[in-house]
């Protein structure tokens, strides 16, 4: 609100790229976790998932509260760090995406005192030898794949929550929990 059109377009494009990447990871993770399960203990007391036939939403529900907090805090750190501007310890010369910078480019970890072996944006340096046209074409492909993945992951979640709502994926086991609730604790407020 009250920003220029370029600022708004940069913000929306960054949001689309970010949500698309998360949806692509979620879609692949959903497929993998539906067929394979974590073989090691999930807690220090040696417990894992109570059963091996849990669907991905049921696996999330089975995680201890402390594990959920760690996941959310780590994702929060990545979100916070991605918003740093060059003057705050991030890449020197990287312009913020709302101010004309490249949407989807995650800042390097060069500003962190602890060494990090790779960067999230281009960990294996594949993009260094590409032309600007190739990078633009690949970004468009990534955006389109992200859009499809967003539809796919919501299709999975809808099919599990409302059996029969997505006819193509009617093989999924029904889920009776609250899929959009990040934690199972009851947060009721009384006045």
N, C-alpha and C. Protein backbone atom coordinates (compact mmCIF):
# COMPACT_ATOMS: atom_id res chain seq x y z
N UNK A 1 0.85 -1.17 0.00
CA UNK A 1 0.00 0.00 0.00
C UNK A 1 0.89 1.23 0.00
N UNK A 2 0.60 2.11 -0.89
CA UNK A 2 1.35 3.35 -0.97
C UNK A 2 2.72 3.19 -1.62
N UNK A 3 2.97 2.09 -2.27
CA UNK A 3 4.26 1.85 -2.93
C UNK A 3 4.08 1.99 -4.44
N UNK A 4 5.20 2.04 -5.15
CA UNK A 4 5.15 2.16 -6.60
C UNK A 4 4.72 0.83 -7.22
N UNK A 5 4.37 0.90 -8.50
CA UNK A 5 3.96 -0.31 -9.21
C UNK A 5 5.13 -1.28 -9.34
N UNK A 6 6.34 -0.78 -9.57
CA UNK A 6 7.50 -1.66 -9.66
C UNK A 6 7.75 -2.40 -8.34
N UNK A 7 7.56 -1.70 -7.22
CA UNK A 7 7.71 -2.33 -5.90
C UNK A 7 6.70 -3.46 -5.75
N UNK A 8 5.44 -3.20 -6.11
CA UNK A 8 4.38 -4.20 -5.97
C UNK A 8 4.62 -5.39 -6.88
N UNK A 9 5.03 -5.14 -8.12
CA UNK A 9 5.30 -6.24 -9.05
C UNK A 9 6.46 -7.09 -8.54
N UNK A 10 7.51 -6.46 -8.02
CA UNK A 10 8.64 -7.20 -7.46
C UNK A 10 8.21 -8.06 -6.28
N UNK A 11 7.38 -7.50 -5.41
CA UNK A 11 6.89 -8.24 -4.25
C UNK A 11 6.06 -9.44 -4.68
N UNK A 12 5.15 -9.24 -5.63
CA UNK A 12 4.28 -10.32 -6.07
C UNK A 12 5.05 -11.40 -6.82
N UNK A 13 6.03 -11.00 -7.63
CA UNK A 13 6.83 -11.99 -8.35
C UNK A 13 7.67 -12.80 -7.37
N UNK A 14 8.25 -12.16 -6.38
CA UNK A 14 9.03 -12.87 -5.36
C UNK A 14 8.14 -13.85 -4.61
N UNK A 15 6.94 -13.42 -4.25
CA UNK A 15 6.01 -14.30 -3.54
C UNK A 15 5.64 -15.50 -4.40
N UNK A 16 5.43 -15.27 -5.70
CA UNK A 16 5.07 -16.37 -6.59
C UNK A 16 6.22 -17.37 -6.73
N UNK A 17 7.44 -16.87 -6.88
CA UNK A 17 8.61 -17.75 -7.01
C UNK A 17 8.81 -18.53 -5.71
N UNK A 18 8.73 -17.83 -4.58
CA UNK A 18 8.96 -18.48 -3.28
C UNK A 18 7.91 -19.55 -3.00
N UNK A 19 6.63 -19.21 -3.21
CA UNK A 19 5.57 -20.18 -2.95
C UNK A 19 5.64 -21.34 -3.94
N UNK A 20 6.05 -21.06 -5.16
CA UNK A 20 6.21 -22.14 -6.13
C UNK A 20 7.31 -23.10 -5.72
N UNK A 21 8.43 -22.57 -5.24
CA UNK A 21 9.53 -23.44 -4.79
C UNK A 21 9.11 -24.29 -3.60
N UNK A 22 8.40 -23.68 -2.67
CA UNK A 22 7.92 -24.44 -1.51
C UNK A 22 6.94 -25.51 -1.96
N UNK A 23 6.05 -25.18 -2.90
CA UNK A 23 5.07 -26.16 -3.38
C UNK A 23 5.75 -27.29 -4.14
N UNK A 24 6.80 -26.98 -4.92
CA UNK A 24 7.52 -28.05 -5.62
C UNK A 24 8.17 -29.00 -4.62
N UNK A 25 8.78 -28.45 -3.59
CA UNK A 25 9.39 -29.30 -2.56
C UNK A 25 8.31 -30.09 -1.82
N UNK A 26 7.18 -29.45 -1.54
CA UNK A 26 6.09 -30.12 -0.83
C UNK A 26 5.51 -31.25 -1.67
N UNK A 27 5.35 -31.02 -2.96
CA UNK A 27 4.77 -32.04 -3.83
C UNK A 27 5.68 -33.27 -3.89
N UNK A 28 6.97 -33.04 -4.11
CA UNK A 28 7.92 -34.15 -4.16
C UNK A 28 7.99 -34.84 -2.80
N UNK A 29 8.04 -34.04 -1.73
CA UNK A 29 8.07 -34.61 -0.39
C UNK A 29 6.84 -35.42 -0.07
N UNK A 30 5.68 -34.95 -0.53
CA UNK A 30 4.43 -35.67 -0.30
C UNK A 30 4.46 -37.02 -0.99
N UNK A 31 4.95 -37.04 -2.24
CA UNK A 31 5.04 -38.30 -2.99
C UNK A 31 6.02 -39.26 -2.32
N UNK A 32 7.16 -38.74 -1.90
CA UNK A 32 8.18 -39.60 -1.27
C UNK A 32 7.67 -40.11 0.08
N UNK A 33 7.12 -39.22 0.91
CA UNK A 33 6.66 -39.62 2.24
C UNK A 33 5.42 -40.52 2.18
N UNK A 34 4.70 -40.50 1.07
CA UNK A 34 3.58 -41.41 0.92
C UNK A 34 4.05 -42.83 0.66
N UNK A 35 5.25 -42.98 0.11
CA UNK A 35 5.75 -44.30 -0.28
C UNK A 35 6.89 -44.80 0.58
N UNK A 36 7.66 -43.90 1.17
CA UNK A 36 8.80 -44.28 1.99
C UNK A 36 8.71 -43.53 3.32
N UNK A 37 9.26 -44.12 4.36
CA UNK A 37 9.18 -43.47 5.67
C UNK A 37 10.57 -43.34 6.27
N UNK A 38 10.71 -42.36 7.13
CA UNK A 38 11.97 -42.08 7.81
C UNK A 38 12.33 -43.30 8.66
N UNK A 39 13.48 -43.94 8.40
CA UNK A 39 13.78 -45.19 9.10
C UNK A 39 14.38 -45.02 10.50
N UNK A 40 14.79 -43.81 10.88
CA UNK A 40 15.47 -43.60 12.16
C UNK A 40 14.53 -43.00 13.19
N UNK A 41 14.98 -43.05 14.42
CA UNK A 41 14.19 -42.49 15.52
C UNK A 41 14.02 -40.99 15.34
N UNK A 42 12.86 -40.49 15.73
CA UNK A 42 12.55 -39.07 15.56
C UNK A 42 12.76 -38.28 16.85
N UNK A 43 13.00 -38.96 17.94
CA UNK A 43 13.20 -38.27 19.21
C UNK A 43 14.40 -38.87 19.92
N UNK A 44 14.90 -38.18 20.94
CA UNK A 44 16.06 -38.66 21.69
C UNK A 44 15.77 -39.93 22.48
N UNK A 45 14.50 -40.18 22.80
CA UNK A 45 14.17 -41.40 23.54
C UNK A 45 14.02 -42.61 22.62
N UNK A 46 14.34 -42.44 21.33
CA UNK A 46 14.37 -43.57 20.41
C UNK A 46 13.07 -43.88 19.72
N UNK A 47 12.09 -43.01 19.84
CA UNK A 47 10.80 -43.27 19.21
C UNK A 47 10.76 -42.67 17.82
N UNK A 48 10.05 -43.32 16.95
CA UNK A 48 9.83 -42.83 15.60
C UNK A 48 8.34 -42.61 15.41
N UNK A 49 7.86 -42.79 14.21
CA UNK A 49 6.43 -42.71 13.97
C UNK A 49 5.77 -43.97 14.52
N UNK A 50 4.58 -43.85 15.10
CA UNK A 50 3.96 -45.01 15.71
C UNK A 50 3.61 -46.11 14.71
N UNK A 51 3.44 -45.78 13.45
CA UNK A 51 3.13 -46.78 12.44
C UNK A 51 3.79 -46.43 11.13
N UNK A 52 3.93 -47.40 10.28
CA UNK A 52 4.59 -47.13 9.00
C UNK A 52 3.59 -46.79 7.90
N UNK A 53 2.32 -46.84 8.20
CA UNK A 53 1.32 -46.57 7.17
C UNK A 53 0.70 -45.17 7.30
N UNK A 54 1.42 -44.24 7.93
CA UNK A 54 0.90 -42.89 8.11
C UNK A 54 1.04 -42.09 6.82
N UNK A 55 0.01 -41.31 6.52
CA UNK A 55 0.08 -40.40 5.38
C UNK A 55 0.92 -39.18 5.78
N UNK A 56 1.37 -38.37 4.83
CA UNK A 56 2.17 -37.19 5.19
C UNK A 56 1.51 -36.26 6.21
N UNK A 57 0.21 -35.93 6.11
CA UNK A 57 -0.36 -35.09 7.17
C UNK A 57 -0.38 -35.78 8.54
N UNK A 58 -0.57 -37.10 8.55
CA UNK A 58 -0.54 -37.83 9.81
C UNK A 58 0.89 -37.88 10.37
N UNK A 59 1.88 -37.92 9.49
CA UNK A 59 3.26 -37.88 9.95
C UNK A 59 3.56 -36.55 10.62
N UNK A 60 3.04 -35.45 10.06
CA UNK A 60 3.23 -34.14 10.68
C UNK A 60 2.57 -34.10 12.05
N UNK A 61 1.37 -34.66 12.14
CA UNK A 61 0.67 -34.71 13.42
C UNK A 61 1.44 -35.54 14.45
N UNK A 62 2.15 -36.57 14.00
CA UNK A 62 2.88 -37.47 14.90
C UNK A 62 4.21 -36.87 15.38
N UNK A 63 4.68 -35.81 14.72
CA UNK A 63 5.94 -35.19 15.16
C UNK A 63 5.77 -34.57 16.54
N UNK A 64 6.78 -34.66 17.38
CA UNK A 64 6.71 -33.97 18.68
C UNK A 64 6.64 -32.45 18.49
N UNK A 65 6.05 -31.78 19.44
CA UNK A 65 5.89 -30.33 19.37
C UNK A 65 7.24 -29.63 19.21
N UNK A 66 8.27 -30.10 19.92
CA UNK A 66 9.60 -29.50 19.82
C UNK A 66 10.17 -29.58 18.41
N UNK A 67 9.91 -30.67 17.71
CA UNK A 67 10.40 -30.81 16.33
C UNK A 67 9.68 -29.82 15.41
N UNK A 68 8.40 -29.65 15.64
CA UNK A 68 7.64 -28.68 14.83
C UNK A 68 8.17 -27.27 15.05
N UNK A 69 8.48 -26.95 16.30
CA UNK A 69 9.02 -25.62 16.61
C UNK A 69 10.36 -25.42 15.91
N UNK A 70 11.23 -26.43 15.93
CA UNK A 70 12.52 -26.32 15.26
C UNK A 70 12.35 -26.09 13.76
N UNK A 71 11.44 -26.79 13.14
CA UNK A 71 11.20 -26.63 11.70
C UNK A 71 10.72 -25.22 11.41
N UNK A 72 9.74 -24.75 12.18
CA UNK A 72 9.19 -23.41 11.95
C UNK A 72 10.24 -22.33 12.20
N UNK A 73 11.07 -22.49 13.23
CA UNK A 73 12.12 -21.51 13.51
C UNK A 73 13.18 -21.49 12.40
N UNK A 74 13.54 -22.64 11.88
CA UNK A 74 14.53 -22.69 10.80
C UNK A 74 13.98 -22.01 9.54
N UNK A 75 12.74 -22.29 9.21
CA UNK A 75 12.13 -21.63 8.04
C UNK A 75 12.00 -20.14 8.30
N UNK A 76 11.68 -19.75 9.53
CA UNK A 76 11.62 -18.33 9.88
C UNK A 76 12.96 -17.65 9.74
N UNK A 77 14.05 -18.34 10.14
CA UNK A 77 15.39 -17.78 9.96
C UNK A 77 15.68 -17.57 8.48
N UNK A 78 15.37 -18.56 7.64
CA UNK A 78 15.62 -18.40 6.20
C UNK A 78 14.82 -17.24 5.63
N UNK A 79 13.59 -17.08 6.08
CA UNK A 79 12.76 -15.97 5.61
C UNK A 79 13.35 -14.63 6.06
N UNK A 80 13.75 -14.55 7.32
CA UNK A 80 14.37 -13.32 7.84
C UNK A 80 15.64 -13.00 7.06
N UNK A 81 16.50 -13.99 6.86
CA UNK A 81 17.77 -13.76 6.18
C UNK A 81 17.56 -13.36 4.72
N UNK A 82 16.52 -13.89 4.08
CA UNK A 82 16.27 -13.55 2.68
C UNK A 82 15.85 -12.10 2.51
N UNK A 83 15.38 -11.48 3.57
CA UNK A 83 14.93 -10.10 3.48
C UNK A 83 16.03 -9.09 3.82
N UNK A 84 17.21 -9.56 4.19
CA UNK A 84 18.29 -8.63 4.52
C UNK A 84 18.69 -7.83 3.28
N UNK A 85 19.00 -6.59 3.50
CA UNK A 85 19.50 -5.76 2.41
C UNK A 85 21.02 -5.77 2.45
N UNK A 86 21.70 -5.36 1.38
CA UNK A 86 23.16 -5.42 1.36
C UNK A 86 23.83 -4.72 2.53
N UNK A 87 23.27 -3.66 3.05
CA UNK A 87 23.88 -2.95 4.16
C UNK A 87 23.74 -3.66 5.49
N UNK A 88 22.93 -4.74 5.55
CA UNK A 88 22.69 -5.43 6.81
C UNK A 88 23.44 -6.74 6.92
N UNK A 89 24.45 -6.95 6.08
CA UNK A 89 25.27 -8.15 6.22
C UNK A 89 25.08 -9.17 5.13
N UNK A 90 24.20 -8.92 4.18
CA UNK A 90 23.97 -9.87 3.11
C UNK A 90 24.92 -9.58 1.95
N UNK A 91 24.58 -10.05 0.76
CA UNK A 91 25.42 -9.85 -0.42
C UNK A 91 25.72 -8.38 -0.66
N UNK A 92 26.94 -8.10 -0.97
CA UNK A 92 27.31 -6.74 -1.37
C UNK A 92 26.90 -6.60 -2.82
N UNK A 93 26.10 -5.61 -3.10
CA UNK A 93 25.68 -5.38 -4.48
C UNK A 93 24.38 -6.04 -4.86
N UNK A 94 23.78 -6.88 -4.02
CA UNK A 94 22.50 -7.48 -4.35
C UNK A 94 21.40 -6.51 -4.00
N UNK A 95 20.58 -6.20 -4.98
CA UNK A 95 19.48 -5.25 -4.80
C UNK A 95 18.24 -6.04 -4.36
N UNK A 96 17.48 -5.48 -3.41
CA UNK A 96 16.26 -6.11 -2.93
C UNK A 96 15.27 -6.27 -4.09
N UNK A 97 14.52 -7.37 -4.10
CA UNK A 97 13.61 -7.67 -5.20
C UNK A 97 12.52 -6.63 -5.38
N UNK A 98 12.15 -5.91 -4.34
CA UNK A 98 11.15 -4.85 -4.46
C UNK A 98 11.74 -3.55 -5.01
N UNK A 99 13.05 -3.50 -5.10
CA UNK A 99 13.72 -2.28 -5.59
C UNK A 99 14.46 -2.55 -6.89
N UNK A 100 13.97 -3.51 -7.67
CA UNK A 100 14.56 -3.80 -8.97
C UNK A 100 15.50 -4.99 -8.99
N UNK A 101 15.67 -5.69 -7.88
CA UNK A 101 16.54 -6.85 -7.83
C UNK A 101 15.89 -8.06 -8.47
N UNK A 102 16.62 -9.15 -8.50
CA UNK A 102 16.16 -10.38 -9.14
C UNK A 102 15.24 -11.15 -8.20
N UNK A 103 13.97 -11.36 -8.59
CA UNK A 103 13.07 -12.15 -7.75
C UNK A 103 13.56 -13.59 -7.67
N UNK A 104 13.49 -14.17 -6.50
CA UNK A 104 13.86 -15.56 -6.30
C UNK A 104 15.32 -15.79 -5.95
N UNK A 105 16.15 -14.77 -6.04
CA UNK A 105 17.56 -14.95 -5.73
C UNK A 105 17.75 -14.83 -4.22
N UNK A 106 18.18 -15.92 -3.62
CA UNK A 106 18.41 -15.93 -2.17
C UNK A 106 19.80 -15.39 -1.91
N UNK A 107 19.98 -14.51 -0.92
CA UNK A 107 21.31 -13.96 -0.65
C UNK A 107 22.29 -15.06 -0.21
N UNK A 108 23.55 -14.84 -0.48
CA UNK A 108 24.55 -15.82 -0.07
C UNK A 108 24.75 -15.76 1.44
N UNK A 109 25.43 -16.75 1.97
CA UNK A 109 25.70 -16.80 3.40
C UNK A 109 27.07 -16.22 3.72
N UNK A 110 27.60 -15.37 2.86
CA UNK A 110 28.92 -14.79 3.08
C UNK A 110 28.95 -13.87 4.30
N UNK A 111 27.82 -13.31 4.70
CA UNK A 111 27.78 -12.40 5.84
C UNK A 111 27.69 -13.09 7.19
N UNK A 112 27.61 -14.42 7.20
CA UNK A 112 27.50 -15.17 8.46
C UNK A 112 28.89 -15.54 8.94
N UNK A 113 29.20 -15.37 10.23
CA UNK A 113 30.53 -15.71 10.73
C UNK A 113 30.84 -17.21 10.61
N UNK A 114 29.82 -18.05 10.75
CA UNK A 114 30.01 -19.50 10.64
C UNK A 114 30.07 -19.88 9.16
N UNK A 115 31.06 -20.66 8.73
CA UNK A 115 31.15 -21.02 7.32
C UNK A 115 30.00 -21.93 6.89
N UNK A 116 29.43 -21.64 5.75
CA UNK A 116 28.37 -22.46 5.16
C UNK A 116 28.91 -22.97 3.83
N UNK A 117 28.88 -24.29 3.59
CA UNK A 117 29.56 -24.85 2.42
C UNK A 117 28.94 -24.49 1.08
N UNK A 118 27.66 -24.13 1.05
CA UNK A 118 27.02 -23.80 -0.23
C UNK A 118 25.95 -22.75 0.00
N UNK A 119 25.51 -22.15 -1.09
CA UNK A 119 24.45 -21.15 -1.03
C UNK A 119 23.16 -21.75 -1.57
N UNK A 120 22.02 -21.22 -1.14
CA UNK A 120 20.74 -21.79 -1.54
C UNK A 120 20.36 -21.43 -2.97
N UNK A 121 20.75 -20.27 -3.44
CA UNK A 121 20.30 -19.85 -4.78
C UNK A 121 20.95 -20.70 -5.88
N UNK A 122 22.25 -20.86 -5.86
CA UNK A 122 22.95 -21.61 -6.89
C UNK A 122 24.10 -22.39 -6.24
N UNK A 123 23.77 -23.46 -5.50
CA UNK A 123 24.80 -24.13 -4.71
C UNK A 123 25.92 -24.77 -5.53
N UNK A 124 25.61 -25.20 -6.74
CA UNK A 124 26.62 -25.89 -7.56
C UNK A 124 27.10 -25.04 -8.72
N UNK A 125 26.78 -23.74 -8.70
CA UNK A 125 27.26 -22.77 -9.70
C UNK A 125 26.84 -23.13 -11.13
N UNK A 126 25.62 -23.65 -11.29
CA UNK A 126 25.12 -23.98 -12.63
C UNK A 126 24.75 -22.73 -13.43
N UNK A 127 24.31 -21.67 -12.74
CA UNK A 127 23.82 -20.48 -13.45
C UNK A 127 24.92 -19.52 -13.87
N UNK A 128 26.15 -19.75 -13.47
CA UNK A 128 27.21 -18.79 -13.78
C UNK A 128 27.54 -18.74 -15.27
N UNK A 129 27.36 -19.84 -16.00
CA UNK A 129 27.72 -19.89 -17.42
C UNK A 129 26.52 -19.71 -18.34
N UNK A 130 25.35 -19.42 -17.79
CA UNK A 130 24.16 -19.25 -18.61
C UNK A 130 24.04 -17.80 -19.08
N UNK A 131 23.45 -17.65 -20.25
CA UNK A 131 23.18 -16.30 -20.75
C UNK A 131 21.95 -15.76 -20.04
N UNK A 132 21.72 -14.46 -20.17
CA UNK A 132 20.54 -13.85 -19.55
C UNK A 132 19.26 -14.41 -20.13
N UNK A 133 19.26 -14.74 -21.43
CA UNK A 133 18.08 -15.32 -22.08
C UNK A 133 17.77 -16.70 -21.50
N UNK A 134 18.81 -17.50 -21.28
CA UNK A 134 18.62 -18.82 -20.69
C UNK A 134 18.09 -18.71 -19.27
N UNK A 135 18.62 -17.78 -18.50
CA UNK A 135 18.16 -17.60 -17.13
C UNK A 135 16.68 -17.18 -17.11
N UNK A 136 16.31 -16.27 -18.02
CA UNK A 136 14.92 -15.81 -18.07
C UNK A 136 13.98 -16.95 -18.47
N UNK A 137 14.38 -17.76 -19.44
CA UNK A 137 13.56 -18.89 -19.88
C UNK A 137 13.40 -19.90 -18.75
N UNK A 138 14.47 -20.16 -18.03
CA UNK A 138 14.41 -21.12 -16.93
C UNK A 138 13.59 -20.58 -15.76
N UNK A 139 13.62 -19.26 -15.52
CA UNK A 139 12.78 -18.68 -14.48
C UNK A 139 11.30 -18.81 -14.85
N UNK A 140 10.97 -18.58 -16.12
CA UNK A 140 9.58 -18.77 -16.56
C UNK A 140 9.14 -20.23 -16.38
N UNK A 141 10.03 -21.17 -16.72
CA UNK A 141 9.72 -22.59 -16.54
C UNK A 141 9.53 -22.91 -15.05
N UNK A 142 10.38 -22.32 -14.21
CA UNK A 142 10.27 -22.55 -12.77
C UNK A 142 8.95 -22.00 -12.24
N UNK A 143 8.56 -20.83 -12.71
CA UNK A 143 7.29 -20.24 -12.27
C UNK A 143 6.12 -21.12 -12.68
N UNK A 144 6.14 -21.60 -13.92
CA UNK A 144 5.04 -22.46 -14.39
C UNK A 144 5.02 -23.79 -13.63
N UNK A 145 6.17 -24.39 -13.39
CA UNK A 145 6.23 -25.63 -12.62
C UNK A 145 5.76 -25.38 -11.18
N UNK A 146 6.10 -24.22 -10.62
CA UNK A 146 5.66 -23.88 -9.27
C UNK A 146 4.15 -23.73 -9.20
N UNK A 147 3.56 -23.12 -10.22
CA UNK A 147 2.10 -22.98 -10.26
C UNK A 147 1.44 -24.35 -10.30
N UNK A 148 1.98 -25.24 -11.13
CA UNK A 148 1.43 -26.59 -11.23
C UNK A 148 1.59 -27.34 -9.90
N UNK A 149 2.74 -27.17 -9.25
CA UNK A 149 2.97 -27.83 -7.97
C UNK A 149 2.02 -27.31 -6.89
N UNK A 150 1.69 -26.01 -6.93
CA UNK A 150 0.73 -25.47 -5.96
C UNK A 150 -0.62 -26.14 -6.15
N UNK A 151 -1.03 -26.30 -7.39
CA UNK A 151 -2.30 -27.01 -7.65
C UNK A 151 -2.21 -28.46 -7.22
N UNK A 152 -1.06 -29.09 -7.48
CA UNK A 152 -0.88 -30.49 -7.13
C UNK A 152 -0.93 -30.76 -5.64
N UNK A 153 -0.22 -29.95 -4.86
CA UNK A 153 -0.19 -30.20 -3.42
C UNK A 153 -1.56 -29.92 -2.80
N UNK A 154 -2.27 -28.90 -3.29
CA UNK A 154 -3.61 -28.65 -2.76
C UNK A 154 -4.58 -29.72 -3.24
N UNK A 155 -4.33 -30.30 -4.42
CA UNK A 155 -5.14 -31.44 -4.86
C UNK A 155 -4.98 -32.62 -3.93
N UNK A 156 -3.72 -32.92 -3.55
CA UNK A 156 -3.47 -34.01 -2.60
C UNK A 156 -4.18 -33.75 -1.27
N UNK A 157 -4.00 -32.54 -0.74
CA UNK A 157 -4.59 -32.22 0.56
C UNK A 157 -6.11 -32.23 0.50
N UNK A 158 -6.67 -31.73 -0.60
CA UNK A 158 -8.13 -31.75 -0.75
C UNK A 158 -8.66 -33.17 -0.86
N UNK A 159 -7.96 -34.00 -1.64
CA UNK A 159 -8.40 -35.38 -1.82
C UNK A 159 -8.36 -36.16 -0.51
N UNK A 160 -7.39 -35.86 0.35
CA UNK A 160 -7.32 -36.56 1.63
C UNK A 160 -8.34 -36.03 2.62
N UNK A 161 -8.61 -34.73 2.58
CA UNK A 161 -9.54 -34.13 3.53
C UNK A 161 -10.99 -34.40 3.14
N UNK A 162 -11.28 -34.31 1.83
CA UNK A 162 -12.64 -34.55 1.33
C UNK A 162 -12.56 -35.68 0.31
N UNK A 163 -12.72 -36.93 0.74
CA UNK A 163 -12.61 -38.06 -0.19
C UNK A 163 -13.55 -37.91 -1.39
N UNK A 164 -13.01 -38.15 -2.57
CA UNK A 164 -13.79 -38.05 -3.80
C UNK A 164 -13.79 -36.68 -4.44
N UNK A 165 -13.21 -35.68 -3.78
CA UNK A 165 -13.22 -34.32 -4.33
C UNK A 165 -12.29 -34.16 -5.52
N UNK A 166 -11.26 -34.98 -5.59
CA UNK A 166 -10.33 -34.96 -6.72
C UNK A 166 -10.30 -36.39 -7.27
N UNK A 167 -11.03 -36.65 -8.35
CA UNK A 167 -11.20 -38.03 -8.81
C UNK A 167 -9.90 -38.72 -9.23
N UNK A 168 -8.92 -37.99 -9.71
CA UNK A 168 -7.70 -38.60 -10.22
C UNK A 168 -6.87 -39.21 -9.09
N UNK A 169 -6.93 -38.64 -7.91
CA UNK A 169 -6.13 -39.12 -6.78
C UNK A 169 -7.02 -39.75 -5.70
N UNK A 170 -7.99 -40.56 -6.12
CA UNK A 170 -8.88 -41.19 -5.16
C UNK A 170 -8.23 -42.35 -4.41
N UNK A 171 -6.96 -42.62 -4.68
CA UNK A 171 -6.24 -43.70 -4.00
C UNK A 171 -5.66 -43.26 -2.66
N UNK A 172 -5.70 -41.97 -2.34
CA UNK A 172 -5.13 -41.47 -1.09
C UNK A 172 -5.99 -41.86 0.10
N UNK A 173 -5.34 -42.15 1.20
CA UNK A 173 -6.02 -42.50 2.44
C UNK A 173 -6.68 -41.25 3.04
N UNK A 174 -7.93 -41.31 3.46
CA UNK A 174 -8.58 -40.13 4.05
C UNK A 174 -7.87 -39.66 5.31
N UNK A 175 -7.91 -38.35 5.53
CA UNK A 175 -7.27 -37.73 6.69
C UNK A 175 -8.33 -36.95 7.46
N UNK A 176 -8.44 -37.24 8.75
CA UNK A 176 -9.48 -36.60 9.56
C UNK A 176 -9.00 -35.43 10.39
N UNK A 177 -7.72 -35.09 10.34
CA UNK A 177 -7.19 -33.99 11.14
C UNK A 177 -7.39 -32.65 10.47
N UNK A 178 -6.81 -31.63 11.06
CA UNK A 178 -6.87 -30.27 10.51
C UNK A 178 -5.55 -29.99 9.80
N UNK A 179 -5.54 -30.10 8.47
CA UNK A 179 -4.30 -30.04 7.71
C UNK A 179 -3.66 -28.65 7.72
N UNK A 180 -4.43 -27.61 7.86
CA UNK A 180 -3.88 -26.26 7.81
C UNK A 180 -3.47 -25.72 9.18
N UNK A 181 -3.64 -26.49 10.23
CA UNK A 181 -3.23 -26.06 11.56
C UNK A 181 -1.77 -26.46 11.78
N UNK A 182 -0.87 -25.49 11.97
CA UNK A 182 0.54 -25.84 12.10
C UNK A 182 0.87 -26.59 13.39
N UNK A 183 0.09 -26.38 14.41
CA UNK A 183 0.32 -27.07 15.68
C UNK A 183 -1.01 -27.61 16.18
N UNK A 184 -0.95 -28.66 16.95
CA UNK A 184 -2.19 -29.26 17.43
C UNK A 184 -2.64 -28.69 18.76
N UNK A 185 -1.86 -27.79 19.35
CA UNK A 185 -2.25 -27.19 20.63
C UNK A 185 -3.51 -26.36 20.45
N UNK A 186 -4.32 -26.34 21.46
CA UNK A 186 -5.57 -25.58 21.42
C UNK A 186 -5.31 -24.15 21.89
N UNK A 187 -5.41 -23.20 20.97
CA UNK A 187 -5.19 -21.80 21.29
C UNK A 187 -6.54 -21.09 21.34
N UNK A 188 -7.20 -21.19 22.45
CA UNK A 188 -8.48 -20.51 22.62
C UNK A 188 -8.27 -19.30 23.50
N UNK A 189 -8.94 -18.24 23.16
CA UNK A 189 -8.83 -17.01 23.92
C UNK A 189 -10.16 -16.72 24.61
N UNK A 190 -10.09 -16.39 25.87
CA UNK A 190 -11.30 -16.04 26.60
C UNK A 190 -11.24 -14.57 26.97
N UNK A 191 -12.37 -13.96 27.03
CA UNK A 191 -12.38 -12.54 27.37
C UNK A 191 -12.90 -12.29 28.75
